[in-house]
Amino acid sequence: TVPAFAHYAGGAIPVVVLSALLITLIPTTI
């Protein structure tokens, strides 16, 4: 849903950055 928020704010977030966000959000450590 992040790209939609970014588009609403008049900008865009690269796929690379979105991917980084996903990996930091999901519980990779445990």
mmCIF file of all heavy atoms, coordinates in Angstrom:
data_MODEL
# 
_entry.id   MODEL 
# 
loop_
_atom_site.group_PDB 
_atom_site.id 
_atom_site.type_symbol 
_atom_site.label_atom_id 
_atom_site.label_alt_id 
_atom_site.label_comp_id 
_atom_site.label_asym_id 
_atom_site.label_entity_id 
_atom_site.label_seq_id 
_atom_site.pdbx_PDB_ins_code 
_atom_site.Cartn_x 
_atom_site.Cartn_y 
_atom_site.Cartn_z 
_atom_site.occupancy 
_atom_site.B_iso_or_equiv 
_atom_site.pdbx_formal_charge 
_atom_site.auth_seq_id 
_atom_site.auth_comp_id 
_atom_site.auth_asym_id 
_atom_site.auth_atom_id 
_atom_site.pdbx_PDB_model_num 
ATOM 1   N N   . THR A 1 1  ? 0.820  -1.230  0.000  1.00 0.00 ? 1  THR A N   1 
ATOM 2   C CA  . THR A 1 1  ? 0.000  0.000   0.000  1.00 0.00 ? 1  THR A CA  1 
ATOM 3   C C   . THR A 1 1  ? 0.845  1.267   0.000  1.00 0.00 ? 1  THR A C   1 
ATOM 4   O O   . THR A 1 1  ? 0.310  2.354   -0.228 1.00 0.00 ? 1  THR A O   1 
ATOM 5   C CB  . THR A 1 1  ? -0.915 0.021   1.238  1.00 0.00 ? 1  THR A CB  1 
ATOM 6   O OG1 . THR A 1 1  ? -0.110 0.083   2.422  1.00 0.00 ? 1  THR A OG1 1 
ATOM 7   C CG2 . THR A 1 1  ? -1.790 -1.221  1.294  1.00 0.00 ? 1  THR A CG2 1 
ATOM 8   N N   . VAL A 1 2  ? 2.139  1.134   0.261  1.00 0.00 ? 2  VAL A N   1 
ATOM 9   C CA  . VAL A 1 2  ? 3.004  2.328   0.366  1.00 0.00 ? 2  VAL A CA  1 
ATOM 10  C C   . VAL A 1 2  ? 3.049  3.132   -0.933 1.00 0.00 ? 2  VAL A C   1 
ATOM 11  O O   . VAL A 1 2  ? 2.962  4.376   -0.901 1.00 0.00 ? 2  VAL A O   1 
ATOM 12  C CB  . VAL A 1 2  ? 4.420  1.921   0.828  1.00 0.00 ? 2  VAL A CB  1 
ATOM 13  C CG1 . VAL A 1 2  ? 5.399  3.087   0.675  1.00 0.00 ? 2  VAL A CG1 1 
ATOM 14  C CG2 . VAL A 1 2  ? 4.385  1.458   2.269  1.00 0.00 ? 2  VAL A CG2 1 
ATOM 15  N N   . PRO A 1 3  ? 3.196  2.488   -2.111 1.00 0.00 ? 3  PRO A N   1 
ATOM 16  C CA  . PRO A 1 3  ? 3.234  3.301   -3.343 1.00 0.00 ? 3  PRO A CA  1 
ATOM 17  C C   . PRO A 1 3  ? 2.004  4.188   -3.515 1.00 0.00 ? 3  PRO A C   1 
ATOM 18  O O   . PRO A 1 3  ? 2.118  5.310   -4.037 1.00 0.00 ? 3  PRO A O   1 
ATOM 19  C CB  . PRO A 1 3  ? 3.313  2.244   -4.451 1.00 0.00 ? 3  PRO A CB  1 
ATOM 20  C CG  . PRO A 1 3  ? 3.978  1.074   -3.801 1.00 0.00 ? 3  PRO A CG  1 
ATOM 21  C CD  . PRO A 1 3  ? 3.452  1.066   -2.400 1.00 0.00 ? 3  PRO A CD  1 
ATOM 22  N N   . ALA A 1 4  ? 0.847  3.706   -3.081 1.00 0.00 ? 4  ALA A N   1 
ATOM 23  C CA  . ALA A 1 4  ? -0.370 4.525   -3.204 1.00 0.00 ? 4  ALA A CA  1 
ATOM 24  C C   . ALA A 1 4  ? -0.271 5.770   -2.337 1.00 0.00 ? 4  ALA A C   1 
ATOM 25  O O   . ALA A 1 4  ? -0.646 6.880   -2.769 1.00 0.00 ? 4  ALA A O   1 
ATOM 26  C CB  . ALA A 1 4  ? -1.587 3.689   -2.816 1.00 0.00 ? 4  ALA A CB  1 
ATOM 27  N N   . PHE A 1 5  ? 0.244  5.622   -1.103 1.00 0.00 ? 5  PHE A N   1 
ATOM 28  C CA  . PHE A 1 5  ? 0.422  6.789   -0.235 1.00 0.00 ? 5  PHE A CA  1 
ATOM 29  C C   . PHE A 1 5  ? 1.436  7.761   -0.847 1.00 0.00 ? 5  PHE A C   1 
ATOM 30  O O   . PHE A 1 5  ? 1.249  8.981   -0.814 1.00 0.00 ? 5  PHE A O   1 
ATOM 31  C CB  . PHE A 1 5  ? 0.905  6.346   1.150  1.00 0.00 ? 5  PHE A CB  1 
ATOM 32  C CG  . PHE A 1 5  ? -0.181 5.793   2.022  1.00 0.00 ? 5  PHE A CG  1 
ATOM 33  C CD1 . PHE A 1 5  ? -0.296 4.435   2.221  1.00 0.00 ? 5  PHE A CD1 1 
ATOM 34  C CD2 . PHE A 1 5  ? -1.101 6.635   2.644  1.00 0.00 ? 5  PHE A CD2 1 
ATOM 35  C CE1 . PHE A 1 5  ? -1.299 3.914   3.020  1.00 0.00 ? 5  PHE A CE1 1 
ATOM 36  C CE2 . PHE A 1 5  ? -2.111 6.129   3.443  1.00 0.00 ? 5  PHE A CE2 1 
ATOM 37  C CZ  . PHE A 1 5  ? -2.220 4.756   3.639  1.00 0.00 ? 5  PHE A CZ  1 
ATOM 38  N N   . ALA A 1 6  ? 2.506  7.208   -1.413 1.00 0.00 ? 6  ALA A N   1 
ATOM 39  C CA  . ALA A 1 6  ? 3.533  8.058   -2.014 1.00 0.00 ? 6  ALA A CA  1 
ATOM 40  C C   . ALA A 1 6  ? 2.967  8.820   -3.213 1.00 0.00 ? 6  ALA A C   1 
ATOM 41  O O   . ALA A 1 6  ? 3.240  10.017  -3.400 1.00 0.00 ? 6  ALA A O   1 
ATOM 42  C CB  . ALA A 1 6  ? 4.720  7.197   -2.443 1.00 0.00 ? 6  ALA A CB  1 
ATOM 43  N N   . HIS A 1 7  ? 2.166  8.122   -4.027 1.00 0.00 ? 7  HIS A N   1 
ATOM 44  C CA  . HIS A 1 7  ? 1.554  8.785   -5.187 1.00 0.00 ? 7  HIS A CA  1 
ATOM 45  C C   . HIS A 1 7  ? 0.604  9.882   -4.736 1.00 0.00 ? 7  HIS A C   1 
ATOM 46  O O   . HIS A 1 7  ? 0.562  10.974  -5.342 1.00 0.00 ? 7  HIS A O   1 
ATOM 47  C CB  . HIS A 1 7  ? 0.804  7.738   -6.021 1.00 0.00 ? 7  HIS A CB  1 
ATOM 48  C CG  . HIS A 1 7  ? 0.118  8.316   -7.219 1.00 0.00 ? 7  HIS A CG  1 
ATOM 49  N ND1 . HIS A 1 7  ? 0.797  8.743   -8.348 1.00 0.00 ? 7  HIS A ND1 1 
ATOM 50  C CD2 . HIS A 1 7  ? -1.208 8.563   -7.465 1.00 0.00 ? 7  HIS A CD2 1 
ATOM 51  C CE1 . HIS A 1 7  ? -0.062 9.228   -9.224 1.00 0.00 ? 7  HIS A CE1 1 
ATOM 52  N NE2 . HIS A 1 7  ? -1.295 9.114   -8.716 1.00 0.00 ? 7  HIS A NE2 1 
ATOM 53  N N   . TYR A 1 8  ? -0.136 9.624   -3.668 1.00 0.00 ? 8  TYR A N   1 
ATOM 54  C CA  . TYR A 1 8  ? -1.064 10.628  -3.141 1.00 0.00 ? 8  TYR A CA  1 
ATOM 55  C C   . TYR A 1 8  ? -0.308 11.862  -2.667 1.00 0.00 ? 8  TYR A C   1 
ATOM 56  O O   . TYR A 1 8  ? -0.790 12.999  -2.787 1.00 0.00 ? 8  TYR A O   1 
ATOM 57  C CB  . TYR A 1 8  ? -1.855 10.025  -1.984 1.00 0.00 ? 8  TYR A CB  1 
ATOM 58  C CG  . TYR A 1 8  ? -2.820 10.988  -1.332 1.00 0.00 ? 8  TYR A CG  1 
ATOM 59  C CD1 . TYR A 1 8  ? -4.038 11.310  -1.949 1.00 0.00 ? 8  TYR A CD1 1 
ATOM 60  C CD2 . TYR A 1 8  ? -2.513 11.578  -0.106 1.00 0.00 ? 8  TYR A CD2 1 
ATOM 61  C CE1 . TYR A 1 8  ? -4.915 12.205  -1.350 1.00 0.00 ? 8  TYR A CE1 1 
ATOM 62  C CE2 . TYR A 1 8  ? -3.384 12.477  0.487  1.00 0.00 ? 8  TYR A CE2 1 
ATOM 63  C CZ  . TYR A 1 8  ? -4.594 12.786  -0.127 1.00 0.00 ? 8  TYR A CZ  1 
ATOM 64  O OH  . TYR A 1 8  ? -5.450 13.672  0.471  1.00 0.00 ? 8  TYR A OH  1 
ATOM 65  N N   . ALA A 1 9  ? 0.919  11.652  -2.155 1.00 0.00 ? 9  ALA A N   1 
ATOM 66  C CA  . ALA A 1 9  ? 1.731  12.765  -1.667 1.00 0.00 ? 9  ALA A CA  1 
ATOM 67  C C   . ALA A 1 9  ? 2.502  13.438  -2.790 1.00 0.00 ? 9  ALA A C   1 
ATOM 68  O O   . ALA A 1 9  ? 3.272  14.375  -2.550 1.00 0.00 ? 9  ALA A O   1 
ATOM 69  C CB  . ALA A 1 9  ? 2.704  12.273  -0.597 1.00 0.00 ? 9  ALA A CB  1 
ATOM 70  N N   . GLY A 1 10 ? 2.322  12.936  -4.017 1.00 0.00 ? 10 GLY A N   1 
ATOM 71  C CA  . GLY A 1 10 ? 2.972  13.562  -5.154 1.00 0.00 ? 10 GLY A CA  1 
ATOM 72  C C   . GLY A 1 10 ? 4.382  13.083  -5.392 1.00 0.00 ? 10 GLY A C   1 
ATOM 73  O O   . GLY A 1 10 ? 5.182  13.792  -6.013 1.00 0.00 ? 10 GLY A O   1 
ATOM 74  N N   . GLY A 1 11 ? 4.721  11.902  -4.956 1.00 0.00 ? 11 GLY A N   1 
ATOM 75  C CA  . GLY A 1 11 ? 6.072  11.377  -5.151 1.00 0.00 ? 11 GLY A CA  1 
ATOM 76  C C   . GLY A 1 11 ? 6.022  9.888   -5.435 1.00 0.00 ? 11 GLY A C   1 
ATOM 77  O O   . GLY A 1 11 ? 4.968  9.315   -5.683 1.00 0.00 ? 11 GLY A O   1 
ATOM 78  N N   . ALA A 1 12 ? 7.190  9.265   -5.420 1.00 0.00 ? 12 ALA A N   1 
ATOM 79  C CA  . ALA A 1 12 ? 7.290  7.820   -5.668 1.00 0.00 ? 12 ALA A CA  1 
ATOM 80  C C   . ALA A 1 12 ? 8.424  7.247   -4.832 1.00 0.00 ? 12 ALA A C   1 
ATOM 81  O O   . ALA A 1 12 ? 9.394  7.939   -4.523 1.00 0.00 ? 12 ALA A O   1 
ATOM 82  C CB  . ALA A 1 12 ? 7.531  7.550   -7.145 1.00 0.00 ? 12 ALA A CB  1 
ATOM 83  N N   . ILE A 1 13 ? 8.276  6.005   -4.476 1.00 0.00 ? 13 ILE A N   1 
ATOM 84  C CA  . ILE A 1 13 ? 9.315  5.313   -3.701 1.00 0.00 ? 13 ILE A CA  1 
ATOM 85  C C   . ILE A 1 13 ? 9.818  4.156   -4.546 1.00 0.00 ? 13 ILE A C   1 
ATOM 86  O O   . ILE A 1 13 ? 9.027  3.310   -4.985 1.00 0.00 ? 13 ILE A O   1 
ATOM 87  C CB  . ILE A 1 13 ? 8.764  4.806   -2.362 1.00 0.00 ? 13 ILE A CB  1 
ATOM 88  C CG1 . ILE A 1 13 ? 8.363  6.003   -1.484 1.00 0.00 ? 13 ILE A CG1 1 
ATOM 89  C CG2 . ILE A 1 13 ? 9.798  3.947   -1.635 1.00 0.00 ? 13 ILE A CG2 1 
ATOM 90  C CD1 . ILE A 1 13 ? 7.793  5.624   -0.150 1.00 0.00 ? 13 ILE A CD1 1 
ATOM 91  N N   . PRO A 1 14 ? 11.132 4.075   -4.798 1.00 0.00 ? 14 PRO A N   1 
ATOM 92  C CA  . PRO A 1 14 ? 11.688 3.019   -5.650 1.00 0.00 ? 14 PRO A CA  1 
ATOM 93  C C   . PRO A 1 14 ? 11.423 1.628   -5.086 1.00 0.00 ? 14 PRO A C   1 
ATOM 94  O O   . PRO A 1 14 ? 11.307 1.430   -3.872 1.00 0.00 ? 14 PRO A O   1 
ATOM 95  C CB  . PRO A 1 14 ? 13.193 3.332   -5.665 1.00 0.00 ? 14 PRO A CB  1 
ATOM 96  C CG  . PRO A 1 14 ? 13.298 4.763   -5.273 1.00 0.00 ? 14 PRO A CG  1 
ATOM 97  C CD  . PRO A 1 14 ? 12.166 5.022   -4.345 1.00 0.00 ? 14 PRO A CD  1 
ATOM 98  N N   . VAL A 1 15 ? 11.373 0.651   -6.004 1.00 0.00 ? 15 VAL A N   1 
ATOM 99  C CA  . VAL A 1 15 ? 11.161 -0.744  -5.612 1.00 0.00 ? 15 VAL A CA  1 
ATOM 100 C C   . VAL A 1 15 ? 12.271 -1.215  -4.672 1.00 0.00 ? 15 VAL A C   1 
ATOM 101 O O   . VAL A 1 15 ? 12.023 -1.976  -3.733 1.00 0.00 ? 15 VAL A O   1 
ATOM 102 C CB  . VAL A 1 15 ? 11.102 -1.647  -6.866 1.00 0.00 ? 15 VAL A CB  1 
ATOM 103 C CG1 . VAL A 1 15 ? 11.083 -3.121  -6.474 1.00 0.00 ? 15 VAL A CG1 1 
ATOM 104 C CG2 . VAL A 1 15 ? 9.900  -1.301  -7.710 1.00 0.00 ? 15 VAL A CG2 1 
ATOM 105 N N   . VAL A 1 16 ? 13.488 -0.749  -4.919 1.00 0.00 ? 16 VAL A N   1 
ATOM 106 C CA  . VAL A 1 16 ? 14.620 -1.152  -4.075 1.00 0.00 ? 16 VAL A CA  1 
ATOM 107 C C   . VAL A 1 16 ? 14.380 -0.740  -2.628 1.00 0.00 ? 16 VAL A C   1 
ATOM 108 O O   . VAL A 1 16 ? 14.614 -1.513  -1.688 1.00 0.00 ? 16 VAL A O   1 
ATOM 109 C CB  . VAL A 1 16 ? 15.934 -0.530  -4.604 1.00 0.00 ? 16 VAL A CB  1 
ATOM 110 C CG1 . VAL A 1 16 ? 17.080 -0.783  -3.621 1.00 0.00 ? 16 VAL A CG1 1 
ATOM 111 C CG2 . VAL A 1 16 ? 16.276 -1.082  -5.971 1.00 0.00 ? 16 VAL A CG2 1 
ATOM 112 N N   . VAL A 1 17 ? 13.897 0.472   -2.426 1.00 0.00 ? 17 VAL A N   1 
ATOM 113 C CA  . VAL A 1 17 ? 13.653 0.972   -1.072 1.00 0.00 ? 17 VAL A CA  1 
ATOM 114 C C   . VAL A 1 17 ? 12.468 0.237   -0.439 1.00 0.00 ? 17 VAL A C   1 
ATOM 115 O O   . VAL A 1 17 ? 12.495 -0.106  0.754  1.00 0.00 ? 17 VAL A O   1 
ATOM 116 C CB  . VAL A 1 17 ? 13.401 2.489   -1.100 1.00 0.00 ? 17 VAL A CB  1 
ATOM 117 C CG1 . VAL A 1 17 ? 13.053 3.008   0.298  1.00 0.00 ? 17 VAL A CG1 1 
ATOM 118 C CG2 . VAL A 1 17 ? 14.618 3.217   -1.642 1.00 0.00 ? 17 VAL A CG2 1 
ATOM 119 N N   . LEU A 1 18 ? 11.433 -0.023  -1.230 1.00 0.00 ? 18 LEU A N   1 
ATOM 120 C CA  . LEU A 1 18 ? 10.287 -0.782  -0.718 1.00 0.00 ? 18 LEU A CA  1 
ATOM 121 C C   . LEU A 1 18 ? 10.727 -2.177  -0.273 1.00 0.00 ? 18 LEU A C   1 
ATOM 122 O O   . LEU A 1 18 ? 10.275 -2.693  0.759  1.00 0.00 ? 18 LEU A O   1 
ATOM 123 C CB  . LEU A 1 18 ? 9.211  -0.896  -1.792 1.00 0.00 ? 18 LEU A CB  1 
ATOM 124 C CG  . LEU A 1 18 ? 8.365  0.346   -2.080 1.00 0.00 ? 18 LEU A CG  1 
ATOM 125 C CD1 . LEU A 1 18 ? 7.475  0.116   -3.282 1.00 0.00 ? 18 LEU A CD1 1 
ATOM 126 C CD2 . LEU A 1 18 ? 7.528  0.716   -0.861 1.00 0.00 ? 18 LEU A CD2 1 
ATOM 127 N N   . SER A 1 19 ? 11.606 -2.772  -1.057 1.00 0.00 ? 19 SER A N   1 
ATOM 128 C CA  . SER A 1 19 ? 12.105 -4.109  -0.713 1.00 0.00 ? 19 SER A CA  1 
ATOM 129 C C   . SER A 1 19 ? 12.882 -4.072  0.595  1.00 0.00 ? 19 SER A C   1 
ATOM 130 O O   . SER A 1 19 ? 12.754 -4.970  1.441  1.00 0.00 ? 19 SER A O   1 
ATOM 131 C CB  . SER A 1 19 ? 13.000 -4.637  -1.836 1.00 0.00 ? 19 SER A CB  1 
ATOM 132 O OG  . SER A 1 19 ? 12.286 -4.726  -3.050 1.00 0.00 ? 19 SER A OG  1 
ATOM 133 N N   . ALA A 1 20 ? 13.691 -3.040  0.757  1.00 0.00 ? 20 ALA A N   1 
ATOM 134 C CA  . ALA A 1 20 ? 14.455 -2.896  2.003  1.00 0.00 ? 20 ALA A CA  1 
ATOM 135 C C   . ALA A 1 20 ? 13.514 -2.737  3.187  1.00 0.00 ? 20 ALA A C   1 
ATOM 136 O O   . ALA A 1 20 ? 13.736 -3.301  4.274  1.00 0.00 ? 20 ALA A O   1 
ATOM 137 C CB  . ALA A 1 20 ? 15.396 -1.701  1.902  1.00 0.00 ? 20 ALA A CB  1 
ATOM 138 N N   . LEU A 1 21 ? 12.434 -1.955  2.981  1.00 0.00 ? 21 LEU A N   1 
ATOM 139 C CA  . LEU A 1 21 ? 11.449 -1.773  4.048  1.00 0.00 ? 21 LEU A CA  1 
ATOM 140 C C   . LEU A 1 21 ? 10.826 -3.111  4.437  1.00 0.00 ? 21 LEU A C   1 
ATOM 141 O O   . LEU A 1 21 ? 10.688 -3.438  5.621  1.00 0.00 ? 21 LEU A O   1 
ATOM 142 C CB  . LEU A 1 21 ? 10.360 -0.804  3.589  1.00 0.00 ? 21 LEU A CB  1 
ATOM 143 C CG  . LEU A 1 21 ? 9.151  -0.657  4.533  1.00 0.00 ? 21 LEU A CG  1 
ATOM 144 C CD1 . LEU A 1 21 ? 9.584  -0.082  5.877  1.00 0.00 ? 21 LEU A CD1 1 
ATOM 145 C CD2 . LEU A 1 21 ? 8.069  0.203   3.909  1.00 0.00 ? 21 LEU A CD2 1 
ATOM 146 N N   . LEU A 1 22 ? 10.472 -3.928  3.441  1.00 0.00 ? 22 LEU A N   1 
ATOM 147 C CA  . LEU A 1 22 ? 9.846  -5.217  3.726  1.00 0.00 ? 22 LEU A CA  1 
ATOM 148 C C   . LEU A 1 22 ? 10.776 -6.106  4.553  1.00 0.00 ? 22 LEU A C   1 
ATOM 149 O O   . LEU A 1 22 ? 10.345 -6.719  5.537  1.00 0.00 ? 22 LEU A O   1 
ATOM 150 C CB  . LEU A 1 22 ? 9.483  -5.917  2.409  1.00 0.00 ? 22 LEU A CB  1 
ATOM 151 C CG  . LEU A 1 22 ? 8.933  -7.345  2.554  1.00 0.00 ? 22 LEU A CG  1 
ATOM 152 C CD1 . LEU A 1 22 ? 7.621  -7.341  3.325  1.00 0.00 ? 22 LEU A CD1 1 
ATOM 153 C CD2 . LEU A 1 22 ? 8.753  -7.994  1.182  1.00 0.00 ? 22 LEU A CD2 1 
ATOM 154 N N   . ILE A 1 23 ? 12.038 -6.177  4.183  1.00 0.00 ? 23 ILE A N   1 
ATOM 155 C CA  . ILE A 1 23 ? 12.975 -7.069  4.876  1.00 0.00 ? 23 ILE A CA  1 
ATOM 156 C C   . ILE A 1 23 ? 13.212 -6.609  6.312  1.00 0.00 ? 23 ILE A C   1 
ATOM 157 O O   . ILE A 1 23 ? 13.402 -7.431  7.216  1.00 0.00 ? 23 ILE A O   1 
ATOM 158 C CB  . ILE A 1 23 ? 14.312 -7.159  4.109  1.00 0.00 ? 23 ILE A CB  1 
ATOM 159 C CG1 . ILE A 1 23 ? 14.062 -7.737  2.711  1.00 0.00 ? 23 ILE A CG1 1 
ATOM 160 C CG2 . ILE A 1 23 ? 15.316 -8.015  4.863  1.00 0.00 ? 23 ILE A CG2 1 
ATOM 161 C CD1 . ILE A 1 23 ? 13.326 -9.065  2.700  1.00 0.00 ? 23 ILE A CD1 1 
ATOM 162 N N   . THR A 1 24 ? 13.186 -5.298  6.559  1.00 0.00 ? 24 THR A N   1 
ATOM 163 C CA  . THR A 1 24 ? 13.354 -4.835  7.937  1.00 0.00 ? 24 THR A CA  1 
ATOM 164 C C   . THR A 1 24 ? 12.084 -5.019  8.758  1.00 0.00 ? 24 THR A C   1 
ATOM 165 O O   . THR A 1 24 ? 12.142 -5.108  9.986  1.00 0.00 ? 24 THR A O   1 
ATOM 166 C CB  . THR A 1 24 ? 13.758 -3.343  7.979  1.00 0.00 ? 24 THR A CB  1 
ATOM 167 O OG1 . THR A 1 24 ? 12.810 -2.577  7.234  1.00 0.00 ? 24 THR A OG1 1 
ATOM 168 C CG2 . THR A 1 24 ? 15.141 -3.151  7.406  1.00 0.00 ? 24 THR A CG2 1 
ATOM 169 N N   . LEU A 1 25 ? 10.924 -5.087  8.078  1.00 0.00 ? 25 LEU A N   1 
ATOM 170 C CA  . LEU A 1 25 ? 9.668  -5.263  8.797  1.00 0.00 ? 25 LEU A CA  1 
ATOM 171 C C   . LEU A 1 25 ? 9.435  -6.724  9.190  1.00 0.00 ? 25 LEU A C   1 
ATOM 172 O O   . LEU A 1 25 ? 9.004  -7.019  10.302 1.00 0.00 ? 25 LEU A O   1 
ATOM 173 C CB  . LEU A 1 25 ? 8.495  -4.781  7.938  1.00 0.00 ? 25 LEU A CB  1 
ATOM 174 C CG  . LEU A 1 25 ? 8.288  -3.262  7.807  1.00 0.00 ? 25 LEU A CG  1 
ATOM 175 C CD1 . LEU A 1 25 ? 7.199  -2.967  6.799  1.00 0.00 ? 25 LEU A CD1 1 
ATOM 176 C CD2 . LEU A 1 25 ? 7.937  -2.639  9.147  1.00 0.00 ? 25 LEU A CD2 1 
ATOM 177 N N   . ILE A 1 26 ? 9.708  -7.655  8.284  1.00 0.00 ? 26 ILE A N   1 
ATOM 178 C CA  . ILE A 1 26 ? 9.402  -9.059  8.575  1.00 0.00 ? 26 ILE A CA  1 
ATOM 179 C C   . ILE A 1 26 ? 10.420 -9.616  9.586  1.00 0.00 ? 26 ILE A C   1 
ATOM 180 O O   . ILE A 1 26 ? 11.567 -9.181  9.630  1.00 0.00 ? 26 ILE A O   1 
ATOM 181 C CB  . ILE A 1 26 ? 9.362  -9.918  7.288  1.00 0.00 ? 26 ILE A CB  1 
ATOM 182 C CG1 . ILE A 1 26 ? 10.724 -9.937  6.595  1.00 0.00 ? 26 ILE A CG1 1 
ATOM 183 C CG2 . ILE A 1 26 ? 8.277  -9.441  6.363  1.00 0.00 ? 26 ILE A CG2 1 
ATOM 184 C CD1 . ILE A 1 26 ? 10.766 -10.822 5.358  1.00 0.00 ? 26 ILE A CD1 1 
ATOM 185 N N   . PRO A 1 27 ? 10.001 -10.595 10.408 1.00 0.00 ? 27 PRO A N   1 
ATOM 186 C CA  . PRO A 1 27 ? 10.854 -11.088 11.503 1.00 0.00 ? 27 PRO A CA  1 
ATOM 187 C C   . PRO A 1 27 ? 11.934 -12.062 11.025 1.00 0.00 ? 27 PRO A C   1 
ATOM 188 O O   . PRO A 1 27 ? 11.880 -13.263 11.268 1.00 0.00 ? 27 PRO A O   1 
ATOM 189 C CB  . PRO A 1 27 ? 9.855  -11.770 12.440 1.00 0.00 ? 27 PRO A CB  1 
ATOM 190 C CG  . PRO A 1 27 ? 8.747  -12.210 11.540 1.00 0.00 ? 27 PRO A CG  1 
ATOM 191 C CD  . PRO A 1 27 ? 8.651  -11.210 10.446 1.00 0.00 ? 27 PRO A CD  1 
ATOM 192 N N   . THR A 1 28 ? 12.937 -11.548 10.317 1.00 0.00 ? 28 THR A N   1 
ATOM 193 C CA  . THR A 1 28 ? 13.984 -12.405 9.758  1.00 0.00 ? 28 THR A CA  1 
ATOM 194 C C   . THR A 1 28 ? 14.870 -13.023 10.848 1.00 0.00 ? 28 THR A C   1 
ATOM 195 O O   . THR A 1 28 ? 15.350 -14.149 10.686 1.00 0.00 ? 28 THR A O   1 
ATOM 196 C CB  . THR A 1 28 ? 14.869 -11.614 8.789  1.00 0.00 ? 28 THR A CB  1 
ATOM 197 O OG1 . THR A 1 28 ? 15.341 -10.437 9.456  1.00 0.00 ? 28 THR A OG1 1 
ATOM 198 C CG2 . THR A 1 28 ? 14.100 -11.220 7.543  1.00 0.00 ? 28 THR A CG2 1 
ATOM 199 N N   . THR A 1 29 ? 15.087 -12.315 11.948 1.00 0.00 ? 29 THR A N   1 
ATOM 200 C CA  . THR A 1 29 ? 16.038 -12.796 12.961 1.00 0.00 ? 29 THR A CA  1 
ATOM 201 C C   . THR A 1 29 ? 15.575 -14.110 13.572 1.00 0.00 ? 29 THR A C   1 
ATOM 202 O O   . THR A 1 29 ? 16.291 -15.116 13.549 1.00 0.00 ? 29 THR A O   1 
ATOM 203 C CB  . THR A 1 29 ? 16.234 -11.743 14.062 1.00 0.00 ? 29 THR A CB  1 
ATOM 204 O OG1 . THR A 1 29 ? 16.630 -10.502 13.460 1.00 0.00 ? 29 THR A OG1 1 
ATOM 205 C CG2 . THR A 1 29 ? 17.312 -12.188 15.045 1.00 0.00 ? 29 THR A CG2 1 
ATOM 206 N N   . ILE A 1 30 ? 14.372 -14.138 14.134 1.00 0.00 ? 30 ILE A N   1 
ATOM 207 C CA  . ILE A 1 30 ? 13.901 -15.361 14.782 1.00 0.00 ? 30 ILE A CA  1 
ATOM 208 C C   . ILE A 1 30 ? 13.610 -16.433 13.739 1.00 0.00 ? 30 ILE A C   1 
ATOM 209 O O   . ILE A 1 30 ? 13.803 -17.631 13.989 1.00 0.00 ? 30 ILE A O   1 
ATOM 210 C CB  . ILE A 1 30 ? 12.656 -15.084 15.663 1.00 0.00 ? 30 ILE A CB  1 
ATOM 211 C CG1 . ILE A 1 30 ? 12.290 -16.335 16.462 1.00 0.00 ? 30 ILE A CG1 1 
ATOM 212 C CG2 . ILE A 1 30 ? 11.491 -14.588 14.839 1.00 0.00 ? 30 ILE A CG2 1 
ATOM 213 C CD1 . ILE A 1 30 ? 13.369 -16.855 17.375 1.00 0.00 ? 30 ILE A CD1 1 
# 
